[in-house]
């Protein structure tokens, strides 16, 4: 691990001052620590990518995939992870290169997705793969008001006075 230990709510935790404000987040912190370990083992730098927040609940991941055709790219979703694989079918040209700076190698790029994130669409245009994501917030997680009851008032209905009708 790094200098900032990701041990959940421990003495060296980056969350040590926040633990008194968060209830029930220890599972999420454990999950993030595990994901941190998985991701930082082999950090690939190919292909380069951007992650843009386009609105409050929408995102776009852009990957530079020059040289890859649509059929060479595969997007797979499993266990809150999105795997993007590129498998080039072109044969390596031998010789005649004075300099070869354009990478034409296979790749796998993994992104961790929140439970509420859905992949809406993907497109390839001018050597850029764009994957469109949206956060779908379920109704039970949307903000709502909670009624506050007053314990001092009686829960029974107030007695009603019976009034005789004068229609007789």
C-alpha atoms as a PDB file:
ATOM      1  CA  UNK A   1       0.000   0.000   0.000  1.00  0.00           C
ATOM      2  CA  UNK A   2       0.974   3.643  -0.184  1.00  0.00           C
ATOM      3  CA  UNK A   3       1.868   6.104   2.552  1.00  0.00           C
ATOM      4  CA  UNK A   4      -1.832   6.811   2.996  1.00  0.00           C
ATOM      5  CA  UNK A   5      -3.138   3.475   4.150  1.00  0.00           C
ATOM      6  CA  UNK A   6      -6.609   2.572   2.981  1.00  0.00           C
ATOM      7  CA  UNK A   7      -7.380   0.474   6.027  1.00  0.00           C
ATOM      8  CA  UNK A   8     -10.986   1.221   6.889  1.00  0.00           C
ATOM      9  CA  UNK A   9     -11.264   3.782   9.677  1.00  0.00           C
ATOM     10  CA  UNK A  10      -7.898   2.786  11.172  1.00  0.00           C
ATOM     11  CA  UNK A  11      -5.361   5.099  12.786  1.00  0.00           C
ATOM     12  CA  UNK A  12      -3.519   5.672   9.495  1.00  0.00           C
ATOM     13  CA  UNK A  13      -6.665   5.857   7.428  1.00  0.00           C
ATOM     14  CA  UNK A  14      -7.405   8.773   5.161  1.00  0.00           C
ATOM     15  CA  UNK A  15     -10.906   8.489   6.651  1.00  0.00           C
ATOM     16  CA  UNK A  16      -9.819   8.724  10.318  1.00  0.00           C
ATOM     17  CA  UNK A  17     -11.357  12.176  10.812  1.00  0.00           C
ATOM     18  CA  UNK A  18     -14.492  11.360   8.857  1.00  0.00           C
ATOM     19  CA  UNK A  19     -15.519   8.116  10.577  1.00  0.00           C
ATOM     20  CA  UNK A  20     -17.646   9.931  13.137  1.00  0.00           C
ATOM     21  CA  UNK A  21     -19.838  11.365  10.365  1.00  0.00           C
ATOM     22  CA  UNK A  22     -20.414   8.240   8.261  1.00  0.00           C
ATOM     23  CA  UNK A  23     -22.490   5.280   9.384  1.00  0.00           C
ATOM     24  CA  UNK A  24     -22.424   1.967   7.522  1.00  0.00           C
ATOM     25  CA  UNK A  25     -19.730   2.892   5.003  1.00  0.00           C
ATOM     26  CA  UNK A  26     -17.123   0.399   6.198  1.00  0.00           C
ATOM     27  CA  UNK A  27     -18.152  -2.093   3.496  1.00  0.00           C
ATOM     28  CA  UNK A  28     -17.733   0.559   0.786  1.00  0.00           C
ATOM     29  CA  UNK A  29     -14.307   1.517   2.141  1.00  0.00           C
ATOM     30  CA  UNK A  30     -13.218  -2.140   2.130  1.00  0.00           C
ATOM     31  CA  UNK A  31     -14.469  -2.434  -1.456  1.00  0.00           C
ATOM     32  CA  UNK A  32     -12.546   0.695  -2.480  1.00  0.00           C
ATOM     33  CA  UNK A  33      -9.367  -0.562  -0.796  1.00  0.00           C
ATOM     34  CA  UNK A  34      -9.645  -3.884  -2.638  1.00  0.00           C
ATOM     35  CA  UNK A  35     -10.307  -2.106  -5.933  1.00  0.00           C
ATOM     36  CA  UNK A  36      -7.339   0.206  -5.292  1.00  0.00           C
ATOM     37  CA  UNK A  37      -5.073  -2.815  -4.877  1.00  0.00           C
ATOM     38  CA  UNK A  38      -6.398  -4.444  -8.078  1.00  0.00           C
ATOM     39  CA  UNK A  39      -6.134  -1.297 -10.170  1.00  0.00           C
ATOM     40  CA  UNK A  40      -2.689  -0.181  -9.044  1.00  0.00           C
ATOM     41  CA  UNK A  41      -1.013  -3.558  -9.649  1.00  0.00           C
ATOM     42  CA  UNK A  42      -0.740  -3.116 -13.377  1.00  0.00           C
ATOM     43  CA  UNK A  43      -1.639   0.383 -14.410  1.00  0.00           C
ATOM     44  CA  UNK A  44      -1.744   0.362 -18.186  1.00  0.00           C
ATOM     45  CA  UNK A  45      -1.155   3.599 -20.054  1.00  0.00           C
ATOM     46  CA  UNK A  46      -2.407   2.374 -23.422  1.00  0.00           C
ATOM     47  CA  UNK A  47      -4.689   3.460 -24.912  1.00  0.00           C
ATOM     48  CA  UNK A  48      -4.922   6.962 -23.456  1.00  0.00           C
ATOM     49  CA  UNK A  49      -8.377   7.994 -22.265  1.00  0.00           C
ATOM     50  CA  UNK A  50     -10.479  10.842 -20.872  1.00  0.00           C
ATOM     51  CA  UNK A  51     -13.404  10.735 -18.472  1.00  0.00           C
ATOM     52  CA  UNK A  52     -15.764  13.697 -18.789  1.00  0.00           C
ATOM     53  CA  UNK A  53     -18.759  14.628 -16.678  1.00  0.00           C
ATOM     54  CA  UNK A  54     -21.227  16.057 -19.186  1.00  0.00           C
ATOM     55  CA  UNK A  55     -24.145  16.732 -16.813  1.00  0.00           C
ATOM     56  CA  UNK A  56     -25.136  16.046 -13.206  1.00  0.00           C
ATOM     57  CA  UNK A  57     -25.767  12.362 -13.950  1.00  0.00           C
ATOM     58  CA  UNK A  58     -24.059  11.705 -17.299  1.00  0.00           C
ATOM     59  CA  UNK A  59     -20.478  10.853 -18.198  1.00  0.00           C
ATOM     60  CA  UNK A  60     -18.458  10.044 -21.311  1.00  0.00           C
ATOM     61  CA  UNK A  61     -15.338   7.878 -21.404  1.00  0.00           C
ATOM     62  CA  UNK A  62     -13.197   8.560 -24.491  1.00  0.00           C
ATOM     63  CA  UNK A  63     -10.441   6.196 -25.600  1.00  0.00           C
ATOM     64  CA  UNK A  64      -7.964   6.946 -28.381  1.00  0.00           C
ATOM     65  CA  UNK A  65      -8.281   3.826 -30.532  1.00  0.00           C
ATOM     66  CA  UNK A  66      -6.705   4.941 -33.800  1.00  0.00           C
ATOM     67  CA  UNK A  67      -6.107   1.947 -36.051  1.00  0.00           C
ATOM     68  CA  UNK A  68      -8.909  -0.140 -34.509  1.00  0.00           C
ATOM     69  CA  UNK A  69     -12.091  -0.772 -36.449  1.00  0.00           C
ATOM     70  CA  UNK A  70     -15.479  -1.130 -34.784  1.00  0.00           C
ATOM     71  CA  UNK A  71     -15.306  -4.924 -35.067  1.00  0.00           C
ATOM     72  CA  UNK A  72     -11.890  -4.928 -33.317  1.00  0.00           C
ATOM     73  CA  UNK A  73     -13.333  -3.439 -30.102  1.00  0.00           C
ATOM     74  CA  UNK A  74     -15.404  -5.255 -27.482  1.00  0.00           C
ATOM     75  CA  UNK A  75     -17.122  -3.784 -24.403  1.00  0.00           C
ATOM     76  CA  UNK A  76     -18.107  -6.169 -21.615  1.00  0.00           C
ATOM     77  CA  UNK A  77     -19.935  -5.426 -18.352  1.00  0.00           C
ATOM     78  CA  UNK A  78     -19.493  -7.740 -15.363  1.00  0.00           C
ATOM     79  CA  UNK A  79     -19.469  -7.290 -11.573  1.00  0.00           C
ATOM     80  CA  UNK A  80     -19.621  -3.471 -11.658  1.00  0.00           C
ATOM     81  CA  UNK A  81     -16.684  -3.371 -14.042  1.00  0.00           C
ATOM     82  CA  UNK A  82     -16.559  -2.336 -17.660  1.00  0.00           C
ATOM     83  CA  UNK A  83     -13.850  -4.037 -19.714  1.00  0.00           C
ATOM     84  CA  UNK A  84     -12.931  -2.546 -23.056  1.00  0.00           C
ATOM     85  CA  UNK A  85     -10.795  -4.792 -25.247  1.00  0.00           C
ATOM     86  CA  UNK A  86      -9.136  -4.009 -28.523  1.00  0.00           C
ATOM     87  CA  UNK A  87      -7.842  -6.829 -30.695  1.00  0.00           C
ATOM     88  CA  UNK A  88      -6.198  -5.683 -33.887  1.00  0.00           C
ATOM     89  CA  UNK A  89      -6.318  -8.097 -36.798  1.00  0.00           C
ATOM     90  CA  UNK A  90      -3.622  -6.448 -38.911  1.00  0.00           C
ATOM     91  CA  UNK A  91      -0.410  -8.361 -39.448  1.00  0.00           C
ATOM     92  CA  UNK A  92       2.803  -6.634 -38.422  1.00  0.00           C
ATOM     93  CA  UNK A  93       4.650  -5.258 -41.386  1.00  0.00           C
ATOM     94  CA  UNK A  94       8.288  -6.248 -41.365  1.00  0.00           C
ATOM     95  CA  UNK A  95      11.115  -3.858 -42.259  1.00  0.00           C
ATOM     96  CA  UNK A  96      10.820  -0.526 -44.089  1.00  0.00           C
ATOM     97  CA  UNK A  97      10.185   1.364 -40.820  1.00  0.00           C
ATOM     98  CA  UNK A  98      12.639   4.087 -39.931  1.00  0.00           C
ATOM     99  CA  UNK A  99      10.565   4.835 -36.837  1.00  0.00           C
ATOM    100  CA  UNK A 100       7.454   3.034 -35.546  1.00  0.00           C
ATOM    101  CA  UNK A 101       5.596   5.244 -33.054  1.00  0.00           C
ATOM    102  CA  UNK A 102       2.021   4.194 -33.741  1.00  0.00           C
ATOM    103  CA  UNK A 103       1.032   1.417 -31.396  1.00  0.00           C
ATOM    104  CA  UNK A 104      -1.016  -1.343 -32.965  1.00  0.00           C
ATOM    105  CA  UNK A 105      -1.119  -3.678 -30.001  1.00  0.00           C
ATOM    106  CA  UNK A 106      -4.018  -5.354 -28.285  1.00  0.00           C
ATOM    107  CA  UNK A 107      -5.303  -3.804 -25.079  1.00  0.00           C
ATOM    108  CA  UNK A 108      -7.675  -4.314 -22.190  1.00  0.00           C
ATOM    109  CA  UNK A 109      -8.830  -1.309 -20.189  1.00  0.00           C
ATOM    110  CA  UNK A 110     -10.947  -1.778 -17.040  1.00  0.00           C
ATOM    111  CA  UNK A 111     -13.193   0.808 -15.390  1.00  0.00           C
ATOM    112  CA  UNK A 112     -14.984   0.335 -12.062  1.00  0.00           C
ATOM    113  CA  UNK A 113     -18.611   1.452 -12.238  1.00  0.00           C
ATOM    114  CA  UNK A 114     -20.912   2.427  -9.409  1.00  0.00           C
ATOM    115  CA  UNK A 115     -24.049   0.314  -8.889  1.00  0.00           C
ATOM    116  CA  UNK A 116     -26.182   3.152 -10.241  1.00  0.00           C
ATOM    117  CA  UNK A 117     -24.188   3.697 -13.464  1.00  0.00           C
ATOM    118  CA  UNK A 118     -25.592   2.277 -16.705  1.00  0.00           C
ATOM    119  CA  UNK A 119     -23.831   2.140 -20.053  1.00  0.00           C
ATOM    120  CA  UNK A 120     -26.217   3.849 -22.463  1.00  0.00           C
ATOM    121  CA  UNK A 121     -24.331   3.794 -25.764  1.00  0.00           C
ATOM    122  CA  UNK A 122     -20.931   3.565 -27.461  1.00  0.00           C
ATOM    123  CA  UNK A 123     -19.572   4.878 -30.752  1.00  0.00           C
ATOM    124  CA  UNK A 124     -16.326   5.071 -32.704  1.00  0.00           C
ATOM    125  CA  UNK A 125     -15.633   8.251 -34.653  1.00  0.00           C
ATOM    126  CA  UNK A 126     -12.314   9.513 -36.051  1.00  0.00           C
ATOM    127  CA  UNK A 127     -10.221   7.120 -33.955  1.00  0.00           C
ATOM    128  CA  UNK A 128     -12.048   7.901 -30.683  1.00  0.00           C
ATOM    129  CA  UNK A 129     -14.227   5.398 -28.855  1.00  0.00           C
ATOM    130  CA  UNK A 130     -16.869   7.162 -26.780  1.00  0.00           C
ATOM    131  CA  UNK A 131     -18.810   5.268 -24.130  1.00  0.00           C
ATOM    132  CA  UNK A 132     -21.816   7.145 -22.735  1.00  0.00           C
ATOM    133  CA  UNK A 133     -22.765   6.492 -19.111  1.00  0.00           C
ATOM    134  CA  UNK A 134     -25.697   7.637 -16.991  1.00  0.00           C
ATOM    135  CA  UNK A 135     -26.320   7.519 -13.253  1.00  0.00           C
ATOM    136  CA  UNK A 136     -29.826   6.158 -12.668  1.00  0.00           C
ATOM    137  CA  UNK A 137     -31.031   7.068  -9.188  1.00  0.00           C
ATOM    138  CA  UNK A 138     -33.804   4.770  -7.932  1.00  0.00           C
ATOM    139  CA  UNK A 139     -36.859   6.421  -6.372  1.00  0.00           C
ATOM    140  CA  UNK A 140     -36.041   5.110  -2.901  1.00  0.00           C
ATOM    141  CA  UNK A 141     -32.663   6.919  -3.021  1.00  0.00           C
ATOM    142  CA  UNK A 142     -33.988  10.260  -4.249  1.00  0.00           C
ATOM    143  CA  UNK A 143     -34.310  13.064  -1.685  1.00  0.00           C
ATOM    144  CA  UNK A 144     -37.556  13.076   0.255  1.00  0.00           C
ATOM    145  CA  UNK A 145     -39.029  14.784   3.308  1.00  0.00           C
ATOM    146  CA  UNK A 146     -39.649  12.837   6.504  1.00  0.00           C
ATOM    147  CA  UNK A 147     -42.660  13.822   8.569  1.00  0.00           C
ATOM    148  CA  UNK A 148     -41.862  14.665  12.167  1.00  0.00           C
ATOM    149  CA  UNK A 149     -44.514  13.596  14.633  1.00  0.00           C
ATOM    150  CA  UNK A 150     -45.242  15.480  17.833  1.00  0.00           C
ATOM    151  CA  UNK A 151     -45.345  13.101  20.803  1.00  0.00           C
ATOM    152  CA  UNK A 152     -47.201  15.691  22.933  1.00  0.00           C
ATOM    153  CA  UNK A 153     -50.388  15.546  20.898  1.00  0.00           C
ATOM    154  CA  UNK A 154     -52.786  12.711  21.432  1.00  0.00           C
ATOM    155  CA  UNK A 155     -52.812  10.152  18.705  1.00  0.00           C
ATOM    156  CA  UNK A 156     -56.576   9.601  19.147  1.00  0.00           C
ATOM    157  CA  UNK A 157     -59.032  11.728  17.306  1.00  0.00           C
ATOM    158  CA  UNK A 158     -60.408  14.628  19.319  1.00  0.00           C
ATOM    159  CA  UNK A 159     -63.966  13.941  20.448  1.00  0.00           C
ATOM    160  CA  UNK A 160     -66.558  15.642  18.343  1.00  0.00           C
ATOM    161  CA  UNK A 161     -69.532  17.385  19.847  1.00  0.00           C
ATOM    162  CA  UNK A 162     -72.864  16.014  18.786  1.00  0.00           C
ATOM    163  CA  UNK A 163     -75.193  18.729  17.681  1.00  0.00           C
ATOM    164  CA  UNK A 164     -78.857  18.013  17.197  1.00  0.00           C
ATOM    165  CA  UNK A 165     -80.181  19.019  13.923  1.00  0.00           C
ATOM    166  CA  UNK A 166     -83.058  21.433  13.981  1.00  0.00           C
ATOM    167  CA  UNK A 167     -84.606  20.083  10.811  1.00  0.00           C
ATOM    168  CA  UNK A 168     -87.236  18.025  12.700  1.00  0.00           C
END
